[in-house]
Each structure stands twice: as C-alpha cells, then as structure tokens.
Protein backbone atom coordinates (compact mmCIF):
# COMPACT_ATOMS: atom_id res chain seq x y z
CA MET A 1 17.94 -4.93 5.74
CA LYS A 2 20.45 -4.54 2.90
CA ILE A 3 19.53 -2.19 0.05
CA GLY A 4 21.16 -1.35 -3.26
CA CYS A 5 21.85 2.33 -3.94
CA SER A 6 23.63 4.40 -6.56
CA CYS A 7 25.22 6.83 -4.06
CA HIS A 8 28.93 7.59 -3.71
CA CYS A 9 31.03 7.52 -0.56
CA ILE A 10 31.31 11.02 0.91
CA LYS A 11 34.96 10.41 1.78
CA CYS A 12 36.56 8.49 -1.13
CA ARG A 13 33.75 8.70 -3.76
CA SER A 14 33.59 4.91 -4.22
CA ILE A 15 30.26 3.43 -5.34
CA ASP A 16 31.00 0.15 -3.51
CA LEU A 17 28.62 0.76 -0.60
CA GLU A 18 26.54 -1.33 1.74
CA ALA A 19 23.23 0.36 2.59
CA ASN A 20 21.04 -0.26 5.64
CA ARG A 21 17.52 0.99 6.25
CA VAL A 22 17.52 2.72 9.65
CA GLY A 23 13.94 3.95 9.89
CA GLU A 24 10.39 2.99 9.20
CA ILE A 25 9.01 3.26 5.67
CA GLU A 26 6.92 6.43 5.49
CA LYS A 27 3.59 6.80 3.66
CA ASP A 28 5.34 8.18 0.57
CA GLY A 29 7.70 5.17 0.47
CA TYR A 30 10.72 7.11 1.80
CA PHE A 31 12.96 5.68 4.51
CA ASP A 32 16.22 6.79 6.13
CA MET A 33 19.36 4.81 5.36
CA HIS A 34 23.00 4.66 6.35
CA HIS A 35 25.85 3.58 4.07
CA THR A 36 29.14 1.88 4.82
CA CYS A 37 31.84 2.20 2.18
CA LYS A 38 33.48 -1.14 1.41
CA GLN A 39 36.63 0.65 0.19
CA CYS A 40 37.45 3.05 3.07
CA ASN A 41 35.04 1.76 5.78
CA THR A 42 33.36 5.17 6.26
CA HIS A 43 29.86 4.88 7.77
CA PHE A 44 27.53 7.80 7.03
CA ASP A 45 23.94 9.00 6.85
CA HIS A 46 22.48 8.94 3.31
CA LEU A 47 20.96 12.45 3.41
CA ASP A 48 22.70 14.34 6.23
CA GLY A 49 26.18 13.19 5.30
CA GLU A 50 26.98 12.75 8.98
CA ILE A 51 29.89 10.33 9.52
CA PHE A 52 29.62 7.87 12.41
CA LEU A 53 32.50 6.15 14.21
CA ASP A 54 29.95 3.89 15.91
CA CYS A 55 26.28 3.38 15.05
CA GLU A 56 23.76 1.65 17.29
CA LYS A 57 21.13 1.65 14.53
CA CYS A 58 23.28 -0.46 12.18
CA GLY A 59 25.56 -2.15 14.68
CA TYR A 60 28.55 -0.51 12.97
CA CYS A 61 31.81 -0.10 14.91
CA SER A 62 34.88 1.53 13.34
CA SER A 63 37.40 -0.50 15.28
C-alpha cells in the first residue's frame, strides 16, 4: 500500500519519499510504515529511523 507522508529522508533530508504500510492498522488508527527516498534510495523505518539494505516487509533491495 502506498501512502503520502510529510516526512524527510533521514540521510539526505529530501521530502521525495515513497511510503509503505508494514503493519496492521491498530485500534487508534496508527500503523507502522517504511519510507524509501526517491533521491538517495535510502530505505528506513518511519519511527525508529533504522536503515535497511534489504527489507522483506516491503520487498526492498538496495542492489
């Protein structure tokens, strides 16, 4: 699922991100998401800021 977000890339600060929901929607409407920066190709967790080289949840691969 693709989602719009107003976050910035944690590496290059670009706002040109693709966002993917990676968890179930909780009772309060919250859900986890990962972002991929379209400028520098960094893939990271929305809240934790963890950077992934590969991500099974999103199907992302850095190579």
